Amino acid sequence: MTTIDPLSATIASTPDREEQKTPDAAPRRRGIVFWIVRYLPAEIAGTAALVVGGLSATLWTDAAPLIAVAALVGEIIGFYAVLAVTIYIEQAAASGTRRRAVGRTAVLLVAEFGAAELLDTFLVRPAALMLGVWLIPDPVWGMLAGKVVADVVFYAVAAGAFTVTARTGLRDARRPARPQETAS
């Protein structure tokens, strides 16, 4: 009669993390190219909308807070319009129906950007944009300077949230996360 050590059997039957990865699985560490490809189109659209919104506000007022709010609203609309399409395309490939892809897109937008957006929208970005417009005489340069400062904080939080959604399996509609994959 042969006995099998349970620990050895578990180790032998569990493939290494490298073997568990499918060809389209995300790597553990993401390089700068990944983040640039992921966020640059949304940043371009958001920045263009920020400038248009902020400059439009200067037609009616020279009050830094109102210019900052108009710029902020423009940036949010431009940024999330592009990201919603990007995430929908990712999820459409993994989801069975359009309705499921739309639902997953909404969940992932909130999971990835919810905390970052709350902090950004209600504290960091308005203050940074207002200071930029107030300190720099040219409103366009002031808005852009404030945007860069706010983006550093925003992406620190959003990149961490993206990593959490990827590691927990929330981004992969085809398979649920397994406990051994999420515990790191």
Protein backbone atom coordinates (compact mmCIF):
# COMPACT_ATOMS: atom_id res chain seq x y z
CA MET A 1 0.00 0.00 0.00
CA THR A 2 1.34 3.37 -1.02
CA THR A 3 0.80 6.46 1.06
CA ILE A 4 0.84 9.91 -0.39
CA ASP A 5 1.95 12.86 1.63
CA PRO A 6 -0.93 15.42 1.30
CA LEU A 7 1.45 18.38 1.13
CA SER A 8 3.51 16.77 -1.63
CA ALA A 9 0.38 15.88 -3.57
CA THR A 10 -0.88 19.45 -3.34
CA ILE A 11 2.44 20.87 -4.45
CA ALA A 12 2.75 18.35 -7.28
CA SER A 13 -0.76 19.02 -8.56
CA THR A 14 -0.54 22.80 -8.32
CA PRO A 15 1.24 24.34 -11.30
CA ASP A 16 3.68 27.18 -10.77
CA ARG A 17 2.34 30.68 -11.14
CA GLU A 18 4.12 30.98 -14.46
CA GLU A 19 2.37 27.86 -15.76
CA GLN A 20 -1.04 29.15 -14.58
CA LYS A 21 -0.82 32.21 -16.78
CA THR A 22 -2.70 32.15 -20.02
CA PRO A 23 -1.24 33.91 -23.04
CA ASP A 24 -3.45 36.96 -22.46
CA ALA A 25 -2.93 37.03 -18.67
CA ALA A 26 -1.41 40.20 -17.32
CA PRO A 27 2.16 40.11 -16.08
CA ARG A 28 2.79 40.67 -12.36
CA ARG A 29 4.82 43.82 -12.86
CA ARG A 30 3.77 46.36 -15.44
CA GLY A 31 6.27 48.56 -17.16
CA ILE A 32 5.95 52.21 -18.01
CA VAL A 33 4.91 51.33 -21.57
CA PHE A 34 1.80 49.54 -20.29
CA TRP A 35 0.71 52.58 -18.26
CA ILE A 36 1.42 54.98 -21.12
CA VAL A 37 -0.56 52.90 -23.62
CA ARG A 38 -3.40 52.48 -21.14
CA TYR A 39 -3.79 56.08 -19.99
CA LEU A 40 -2.23 58.37 -22.64
CA PRO A 41 -5.27 58.50 -24.98
CA ALA A 42 -7.53 59.35 -22.02
CA GLU A 43 -5.03 61.95 -20.80
CA ILE A 44 -4.90 63.60 -24.21
CA ALA A 45 -8.70 63.78 -24.42
CA GLY A 46 -8.96 64.94 -20.80
CA THR A 47 -6.30 67.61 -21.27
CA ALA A 48 -7.94 68.94 -24.43
CA ALA A 49 -11.31 69.07 -22.66
CA LEU A 50 -9.67 70.73 -19.63
CA VAL A 51 -8.25 73.51 -21.79
CA VAL A 52 -11.50 73.98 -23.73
CA GLY A 53 -13.56 74.04 -20.51
CA GLY A 54 -11.18 76.38 -18.70
CA LEU A 55 -10.76 78.77 -21.62
CA SER A 56 -14.52 78.80 -22.19
CA ALA A 57 -14.96 79.90 -18.60
CA THR A 58 -12.50 82.77 -19.09
CA LEU A 59 -14.94 84.25 -21.62
CA TRP A 60 -17.34 84.95 -18.73
CA THR A 61 -15.11 85.33 -15.69
CA ASP A 62 -11.58 85.76 -14.45
CA ALA A 63 -12.33 84.11 -11.11
CA ALA A 64 -9.79 81.32 -10.57
CA PRO A 65 -12.26 79.01 -8.74
CA LEU A 66 -14.80 79.13 -11.59
CA ILE A 67 -12.13 78.58 -14.23
CA ALA A 68 -10.79 75.64 -12.19
CA VAL A 69 -14.27 74.07 -11.89
CA ALA A 70 -14.95 74.43 -15.62
CA ALA A 71 -11.56 72.91 -16.41
CA LEU A 72 -12.17 70.08 -13.94
CA VAL A 73 -15.57 69.20 -15.42
CA GLY A 74 -14.13 69.26 -18.94
CA GLU A 75 -11.26 67.00 -17.97
CA ILE A 76 -13.50 64.48 -16.22
CA ILE A 77 -15.77 64.21 -19.27
CA GLY A 78 -12.90 63.84 -21.75
CA PHE A 79 -10.89 61.43 -19.60
CA TYR A 80 -13.71 59.04 -18.69
CA ALA A 81 -15.27 59.00 -22.15
CA VAL A 82 -12.05 57.49 -23.52
CA LEU A 83 -11.53 55.14 -20.56
CA ALA A 84 -15.10 53.87 -20.69
CA VAL A 85 -14.57 52.88 -24.33
CA THR A 86 -11.16 51.35 -23.54
CA ILE A 87 -12.47 49.23 -20.67
CA TYR A 88 -15.60 48.28 -22.62
CA ILE A 89 -13.43 46.95 -25.46
CA GLU A 90 -11.38 44.91 -22.93
CA GLN A 91 -14.53 43.51 -21.35
CA ALA A 92 -16.44 42.88 -24.58
CA ALA A 93 -13.83 40.32 -25.53
CA ALA A 94 -14.21 38.54 -22.18
CA SER A 95 -17.95 38.95 -21.56
CA GLY A 96 -20.67 36.97 -23.26
CA THR A 97 -23.09 39.82 -23.92
CA ARG A 98 -22.99 43.57 -24.47
CA ARG A 99 -25.07 44.09 -21.35
CA ARG A 100 -22.59 42.14 -19.25
CA ALA A 101 -19.68 44.06 -20.81
CA VAL A 102 -21.37 47.39 -19.99
CA GLY A 103 -21.99 46.26 -16.41
CA ARG A 104 -18.42 45.04 -15.98
CA THR A 105 -17.14 48.29 -17.47
CA ALA A 106 -19.07 50.32 -14.89
CA VAL A 107 -17.85 48.11 -12.03
CA LEU A 108 -14.24 48.31 -13.20
CA LEU A 109 -14.38 52.10 -13.67
CA VAL A 110 -15.58 52.48 -10.09
CA ALA A 111 -13.11 49.90 -8.73
CA GLU A 112 -10.13 51.39 -10.55
CA PHE A 113 -10.92 55.09 -10.26
CA GLY A 114 -13.50 55.51 -7.48
CA ALA A 115 -11.19 56.32 -4.57
CA ALA A 116 -8.75 58.24 -6.75
CA GLU A 117 -11.54 60.26 -8.32
CA LEU A 118 -13.17 61.19 -5.03
CA LEU A 119 -9.88 62.42 -3.59
CA ASP A 120 -8.98 64.08 -6.89
CA THR A 121 -12.31 65.75 -7.66
CA PHE A 122 -13.12 67.09 -4.24
CA LEU A 123 -9.70 68.00 -2.90
CA VAL A 124 -6.50 67.69 -4.91
CA ARG A 125 -7.41 68.78 -8.47
CA PRO A 126 -9.54 71.85 -7.64
CA ALA A 127 -6.84 73.11 -5.28
CA ALA A 128 -4.06 72.40 -7.78
CA LEU A 129 -5.94 73.98 -10.71
CA MET A 130 -6.94 77.01 -8.68
CA LEU A 131 -3.39 77.53 -7.42
CA GLY A 132 -2.03 77.07 -10.93
CA VAL A 133 -4.43 79.64 -12.39
CA TRP A 134 -3.80 82.00 -9.48
CA LEU A 135 0.03 81.71 -9.47
CA ILE A 136 0.68 81.62 -13.21
CA PRO A 137 -0.60 84.64 -15.17
CA ASP A 138 -1.47 82.69 -18.35
CA PRO A 139 -4.57 80.58 -17.55
CA VAL A 140 -3.61 77.78 -19.96
CA TRP A 141 -0.21 77.27 -18.35
CA GLY A 142 -1.75 77.61 -14.91
CA MET A 143 -4.33 74.90 -15.68
CA LEU A 144 -1.67 72.61 -17.16
CA ALA A 145 0.65 73.08 -14.17
CA GLY A 146 -2.19 72.33 -11.76
CA LYS A 147 -3.18 69.30 -13.83
CA VAL A 148 0.31 67.80 -13.69
CA VAL A 149 0.48 68.17 -9.91
CA ALA A 150 -2.98 66.62 -9.46
CA ASP A 151 -2.21 63.78 -11.90
CA VAL A 152 0.72 62.58 -9.79
CA VAL A 153 -1.58 62.03 -6.82
CA PHE A 154 -4.41 60.62 -8.95
CA TYR A 155 -2.25 58.00 -10.68
CA ALA A 156 -0.59 56.89 -7.47
CA VAL A 157 -4.04 55.89 -6.18
CA ALA A 158 -5.51 54.67 -9.51
CA ALA A 159 -2.53 52.49 -10.44
CA GLY A 160 -2.72 50.80 -7.06
CA ALA A 161 -6.44 50.15 -7.55
CA PHE A 162 -5.83 48.76 -11.06
CA THR A 163 -3.26 46.36 -9.64
CA VAL A 164 -5.73 45.21 -6.98
CA THR A 165 -8.47 44.59 -9.58
CA ALA A 166 -6.02 42.62 -11.74
CA ARG A 167 -4.64 40.51 -8.87
CA THR A 168 -8.07 39.67 -7.47
CA GLY A 169 -9.33 38.54 -10.86
CA LEU A 170 -11.99 41.24 -11.11
CA ARG A 171 -10.70 42.25 -14.56
CA ASP A 172 -10.88 38.72 -15.95
CA ALA A 173 -14.52 37.88 -16.68
CA ARG A 174 -13.68 34.36 -17.78
CA ARG A 175 -12.49 33.03 -14.46
CA PRO A 176 -13.05 33.90 -10.80
CA ALA A 177 -10.06 34.62 -8.62
CA ARG A 178 -8.69 31.64 -6.72
CA PRO A 179 -7.64 32.15 -3.09
CA GLN A 180 -4.04 31.04 -3.74
CA GLU A 181 -3.74 33.62 -6.55
CA THR A 182 -5.02 36.58 -4.53
CA ALA A 183 -2.98 35.95 -1.39
CA SER A 184 0.43 37.49 -1.96
